[in-house]
Amino acid sequence: MVTDAPVALRAVLDPAHGGRWTSLAGGGREWLWHRAGTRRRGAVPGDDFVDAGGLEECLPTVRGRPDHGDVWARPWQPAGDTQTVATPEFTLTRRLRERVGELLVDYVLDADPGYRFVWAAHALLDLSPAARLDAPAGTATRVFPESGPWLEGPWPAPAGLTLDRLGPDDGTAVGAILTDCPTVRVVDGPDRLTLHLDCAGQPRSTALWRNLRGWPQPGPYRSIGVEPMLGAVFDLATAGPGDAATVPAAGRVTWRLTIAAHRRGGTTA
């Protein structure tokens, strides 16, 4: 029978420039999409977000202010196998470990009790037009228009939009959040990339940014974001009860992101 063999992954991080992931590669494949000529390396806190691709750590919001959060343009401080970034409101530390076929990324957020936030691993992926996003059928999914309240429906076709297909390019762009969905899998030809989020007592979701050359205008380009997240909205300012993560009385939240790669091929008896 046909099997999925694990593929060793390796990540490259850029702590000096917002802690951005610049590579997620394995088996001869680079999973992260990149956009050249953006002047990303010169960004400083307070700048509008620079869409350079890769994977950005978005905290304490994705949309809204600060645009894509308050850490993507700050230098992170490396210490051994950990990296830390500090703002006036919180300190975030991450530790990345590589194992055969997967990466484990452990996060620690220290902030005042009651602090509310949204976090997303804003991963923009380099995918073919035949790629799809697998998630449990029926998952409650919020679709976010450019203005107005979100629409909600079951995955894979919330509000009548078939969102699991990630191409071909059709001139559309849509953002969605699969709520209470900590695990998804991207399938692209023989390759599979699985993203899973563990965090006790906090809302876990997966955000999707499916830009099939529909944004921005003028000059649209293709970019596909598959984003494990804590929270259930893009903009923290719009978060209702249960829509954001909240720091408990201990003043600390911990979570783990696991990324695993497999390739279809080979046979077993």
Protein backbone atom coordinates (compact mmCIF):
# COMPACT_ATOMS: atom_id res chain seq x y z
CA MET A 1 0.00 0.00 0.00
CA VAL A 2 1.06 3.60 -0.56
CA THR A 3 2.47 5.28 2.53
CA ASP A 4 3.38 8.79 3.68
CA ALA A 5 7.06 8.91 4.67
CA PRO A 6 8.23 11.58 7.16
CA VAL A 7 10.41 14.34 5.74
CA ALA A 8 12.98 16.11 7.92
CA LEU A 9 12.25 19.83 8.22
CA ARG A 10 14.61 22.67 8.96
CA ALA A 11 13.67 26.25 9.81
CA VAL A 12 15.80 29.38 9.42
CA LEU A 13 14.91 32.33 11.66
CA ASP A 14 15.96 35.97 11.50
CA PRO A 15 15.92 37.28 15.09
CA ALA A 16 17.43 40.65 14.16
CA HIS A 17 14.51 41.45 11.87
CA GLY A 18 11.33 40.67 13.76
CA GLY A 19 12.04 37.00 14.42
CA ARG A 20 10.75 36.19 10.94
CA TRP A 21 11.02 32.62 9.65
CA THR A 22 12.85 32.94 6.33
CA SER A 23 12.85 29.24 5.45
CA LEU A 24 10.91 26.07 6.21
CA ALA A 25 12.42 23.39 4.03
CA GLY A 26 12.74 19.63 3.70
CA GLY A 27 13.08 16.94 1.06
CA GLY A 28 14.26 19.46 -1.52
CA ARG A 29 11.17 21.64 -1.05
CA GLU A 30 10.89 25.16 0.35
CA TRP A 31 7.45 25.61 1.93
CA LEU A 32 7.57 29.37 2.56
CA TRP A 33 6.65 31.89 -0.11
CA HIS A 34 8.71 35.07 -0.44
CA ARG A 35 8.18 38.46 -2.03
CA ALA A 36 11.31 40.28 -3.16
CA GLY A 37 12.08 43.99 -3.07
CA THR A 38 10.01 44.90 -0.01
CA ARG A 39 12.60 46.66 2.20
CA ARG A 40 11.47 44.38 4.99
CA ARG A 41 14.83 44.48 6.75
CA GLY A 42 14.51 48.22 7.41
CA ALA A 43 11.14 48.02 9.21
CA VAL A 44 10.88 49.49 12.71
CA PRO A 45 8.09 49.42 15.33
CA GLY A 46 5.18 51.58 14.23
CA ASP A 47 5.66 50.94 10.51
CA ASP A 48 2.85 49.57 8.39
CA PHE A 49 3.24 45.86 7.82
CA VAL A 50 5.65 44.84 5.06
CA ASP A 51 4.39 41.73 3.25
CA ALA A 52 7.67 39.95 2.51
CA GLY A 53 6.43 36.40 2.96
CA GLY A 54 7.98 33.78 5.21
CA LEU A 55 6.38 33.28 8.60
CA GLU A 56 5.73 36.24 10.90
CA GLU A 57 4.87 36.05 14.60
CA CYS A 58 1.74 38.21 14.95
CA LEU A 59 0.96 39.35 18.52
CA PRO A 60 -1.23 40.80 20.08
CA THR A 61 -3.33 41.12 16.90
CA VAL A 62 -3.22 40.35 13.19
CA ARG A 63 -5.38 43.04 11.61
CA GLY A 64 -5.95 46.36 13.32
CA ARG A 65 -3.31 48.21 15.29
CA PRO A 66 -0.46 47.59 15.46
CA ASP A 67 -0.73 46.20 11.94
CA HIS A 68 0.16 42.46 12.16
CA GLY A 69 1.09 42.94 15.79
CA ASP A 70 3.87 44.51 17.82
CA VAL A 71 6.74 42.04 17.42
CA TRP A 72 7.29 41.56 13.65
CA ALA A 73 9.45 44.71 13.41
CA ARG A 74 11.31 44.34 16.74
CA PRO A 75 14.66 42.59 17.19
CA TRP A 76 14.57 39.34 19.15
CA GLN A 77 17.35 38.44 21.57
CA PRO A 78 18.87 34.96 21.07
CA ALA A 79 20.15 32.95 24.05
CA GLY A 80 21.14 29.37 23.26
CA ASP A 81 18.19 27.64 21.63
CA THR A 82 15.66 30.32 22.65
CA GLN A 83 14.77 33.76 21.32
CA THR A 84 12.94 36.51 23.21
CA VAL A 85 11.22 39.73 22.22
CA ALA A 86 9.95 42.33 24.71
CA THR A 87 7.38 45.12 24.38
CA PRO A 88 5.98 47.47 27.03
CA GLU A 89 3.04 45.05 27.53
CA PHE A 90 4.53 41.55 27.30
CA THR A 91 7.56 39.34 26.78
CA LEU A 92 7.43 36.46 24.29
CA THR A 93 9.97 33.62 24.24
CA ARG A 94 10.15 30.77 21.75
CA ARG A 95 12.26 27.62 21.56
CA LEU A 96 12.50 25.60 18.35
CA ARG A 97 13.59 21.97 18.18
CA GLU A 98 13.98 19.77 15.12
CA ARG A 99 12.97 16.11 15.06
CA VAL A 100 12.68 13.68 12.16
CA GLY A 101 9.67 14.78 10.16
CA GLU A 102 8.62 17.61 12.47
CA LEU A 103 9.47 20.86 14.23
CA LEU A 104 8.42 21.63 17.80
CA VAL A 105 8.12 25.30 18.72
CA ASP A 106 7.41 26.12 22.37
CA TYR A 107 6.18 29.60 23.30
CA VAL A 108 5.98 31.42 26.64
CA LEU A 109 4.10 34.72 26.99
CA ASP A 110 4.55 36.72 30.20
CA ALA A 111 2.12 39.60 30.77
CA ASP A 112 -0.20 41.05 33.39
CA PRO A 113 -3.09 38.80 34.45
CA GLY A 114 -6.16 39.53 32.33
CA TYR A 115 -4.15 40.68 29.30
CA ARG A 116 -6.06 39.71 26.14
CA PHE A 117 -4.33 38.90 22.87
CA VAL A 118 -4.47 37.14 19.54
CA TRP A 119 -1.40 35.28 18.29
CA ALA A 120 -0.88 33.80 14.83
CA ALA A 121 1.98 32.01 13.13
CA HIS A 122 1.43 33.98 9.92
CA ALA A 123 2.87 31.44 7.47
CA LEU A 124 2.70 32.32 3.78
CA LEU A 125 3.18 29.11 1.81
CA ASP A 126 4.55 28.47 -1.67
CA LEU A 127 1.85 26.19 -3.09
CA SER A 128 0.77 25.03 -6.53
CA PRO A 129 -2.71 25.86 -7.90
CA ALA A 130 -3.66 22.21 -7.22
CA ALA A 131 -3.04 22.47 -3.47
CA ARG A 132 -5.84 22.06 -0.94
CA LEU A 133 -6.38 22.58 2.79
CA ASP A 134 -7.75 19.58 4.70
CA ALA A 135 -9.68 20.25 7.91
CA PRO A 136 -12.58 18.45 9.64
CA ALA A 137 -15.76 18.78 7.58
CA GLY A 138 -18.34 20.91 9.33
CA THR A 139 -15.82 23.04 11.26
CA ALA A 140 -17.47 26.38 12.07
CA THR A 141 -15.67 28.89 9.86
CA ARG A 142 -15.82 32.67 9.95
CA VAL A 143 -15.38 34.55 6.66
CA PHE A 144 -14.19 38.13 7.04
CA PRO A 145 -15.16 40.63 4.32
CA GLU A 146 -13.25 43.89 3.86
CA SER A 147 -15.90 45.67 5.92
CA GLY A 148 -18.86 44.67 8.06
CA PRO A 149 -19.42 41.66 10.32
CA TRP A 150 -18.07 38.21 9.51
CA LEU A 151 -20.19 35.51 7.92
CA GLU A 152 -20.19 31.99 9.33
CA GLY A 153 -20.74 28.54 7.90
CA PRO A 154 -19.37 25.00 7.88
CA TRP A 155 -16.03 24.06 6.32
CA PRO A 156 -15.18 23.56 3.47
CA ALA A 157 -17.77 25.92 1.93
CA PRO A 158 -18.75 28.57 4.51
CA ALA A 159 -21.12 31.24 3.19
CA GLY A 160 -21.21 29.38 -0.13
CA LEU A 161 -17.47 29.85 -0.76
CA THR A 162 -15.42 26.73 -1.50
CA LEU A 163 -12.27 27.56 0.46
CA ASP A 164 -10.37 24.29 0.68
CA ARG A 165 -9.10 24.62 -2.88
CA LEU A 166 -6.07 26.94 -3.01
CA GLY A 167 -6.08 27.65 -6.72
CA PRO A 168 -6.07 28.29 -9.59
CA ASP A 169 -5.81 32.07 -9.40
CA ASP A 170 -9.18 33.70 -10.02
CA GLY A 171 -8.73 37.31 -8.92
CA THR A 172 -10.27 36.84 -5.45
CA ALA A 173 -8.92 37.34 -1.94
CA VAL A 174 -10.60 36.22 1.27
CA GLY A 175 -9.68 35.80 4.92
CA ALA A 176 -11.30 33.11 7.06
CA ILE A 177 -10.85 31.50 10.48
CA LEU A 178 -11.61 27.86 11.21
CA THR A 179 -12.68 28.11 14.85
CA ASP A 180 -11.89 25.45 17.46
CA CYS A 181 -9.65 23.84 14.84
CA PRO A 182 -6.13 23.19 16.15
CA THR A 183 -5.02 20.85 13.35
CA VAL A 184 -5.00 21.23 9.57
CA ARG A 185 -3.09 19.63 6.71
CA VAL A 186 -1.92 21.21 3.46
CA VAL A 187 -1.79 18.76 0.54
CA ASP A 188 0.21 19.73 -2.54
CA GLY A 189 0.96 16.93 -4.96
CA PRO A 190 2.85 14.20 -3.06
CA ASP A 191 3.71 16.54 -0.17
CA ARG A 192 1.77 17.05 3.06
CA LEU A 193 2.38 19.70 5.72
CA THR A 194 0.51 19.28 9.01
CA LEU A 195 0.21 22.12 11.52
CA HIS A 196 -1.02 21.45 15.06
CA LEU A 197 -1.43 23.79 18.03
CA ASP A 198 -1.52 22.78 21.71
CA CYS A 199 -2.58 25.26 24.40
CA ALA A 200 -4.61 24.48 27.49
CA GLY A 201 -7.53 26.74 28.33
CA GLN A 202 -7.25 29.10 25.35
CA PRO A 203 -9.20 29.32 22.04
CA ARG A 204 -7.32 27.55 19.23
CA SER A 205 -8.08 28.20 15.58
CA THR A 206 -6.53 28.16 12.12
CA ALA A 207 -6.64 31.26 9.94
CA LEU A 208 -6.64 31.14 6.15
CA TRP A 209 -5.61 33.97 3.84
CA ARG A 210 -6.46 32.82 0.31
CA ASN A 211 -5.22 35.54 -2.02
CA LEU A 212 -5.54 34.29 -5.59
CA ARG A 213 -4.21 37.48 -7.18
CA GLY A 214 -7.08 39.49 -5.77
CA TRP A 215 -5.06 41.79 -3.47
CA PRO A 216 -3.71 44.46 -3.37
CA GLN A 217 -5.08 46.77 -6.01
CA PRO A 218 -3.30 47.76 -8.14
CA GLY A 219 -0.64 45.09 -8.57
CA PRO A 220 -2.23 41.98 -7.04
CA TYR A 221 -0.12 38.90 -6.42
CA ARG A 222 -0.69 35.35 -5.18
CA SER A 223 -0.16 34.56 -1.48
CA ILE A 224 -1.59 31.75 0.63
CA GLY A 225 -1.52 32.02 4.42
CA VAL A 226 -2.23 29.02 6.66
CA GLU A 227 -1.94 30.32 10.20
CA PRO A 228 -2.29 28.41 13.49
CA MET A 229 -3.63 30.93 16.00
CA LEU A 230 -4.80 31.60 19.52
CA GLY A 231 -8.10 33.44 19.24
CA ALA A 232 -10.94 33.47 16.75
CA VAL A 233 -10.76 36.92 15.13
CA PHE A 234 -8.12 38.76 13.12
CA ASP A 235 -8.53 42.10 14.94
CA LEU A 236 -8.23 42.03 18.72
CA ALA A 237 -10.37 45.17 18.92
CA THR A 238 -13.37 43.18 17.62
CA ALA A 239 -12.94 40.19 19.96
CA GLY A 240 -16.03 39.19 21.90
CA PRO A 241 -16.21 36.70 24.77
CA GLY A 242 -14.06 33.68 23.97
CA ASP A 243 -12.58 35.26 20.84
CA ALA A 244 -9.17 36.11 22.35
CA ALA A 245 -6.63 34.39 24.58
CA THR A 246 -6.38 35.72 28.14
CA VAL A 247 -3.41 35.66 30.51
CA PRO A 248 -4.41 33.86 33.75
CA ALA A 249 -3.63 34.90 37.30
CA ALA A 250 -0.17 33.31 37.12
CA GLY A 251 0.81 35.88 34.47
CA ARG A 252 1.95 33.32 31.90
CA VAL A 253 0.56 31.45 28.86
CA THR A 254 2.43 28.57 27.22
CA TRP A 255 1.70 26.84 23.93
CA ARG A 256 3.32 24.53 21.39
CA LEU A 257 3.22 24.58 17.60
CA THR A 258 4.07 21.31 15.85
CA ILE A 259 4.81 21.29 12.12
CA ALA A 260 5.23 17.93 10.39
CA ALA A 261 6.03 17.07 6.77
CA HIS A 262 5.38 13.87 4.85
CA ARG A 263 5.74 12.75 1.27
CA ARG A 264 3.51 10.23 -0.45
CA GLY A 265 5.45 7.29 -1.88
CA GLY A 266 6.82 3.84 -1.18
CA THR A 267 4.99 0.64 -0.45
CA THR A 268 4.55 -1.67 2.50
CA ALA A 269 3.45 -5.26 2.62
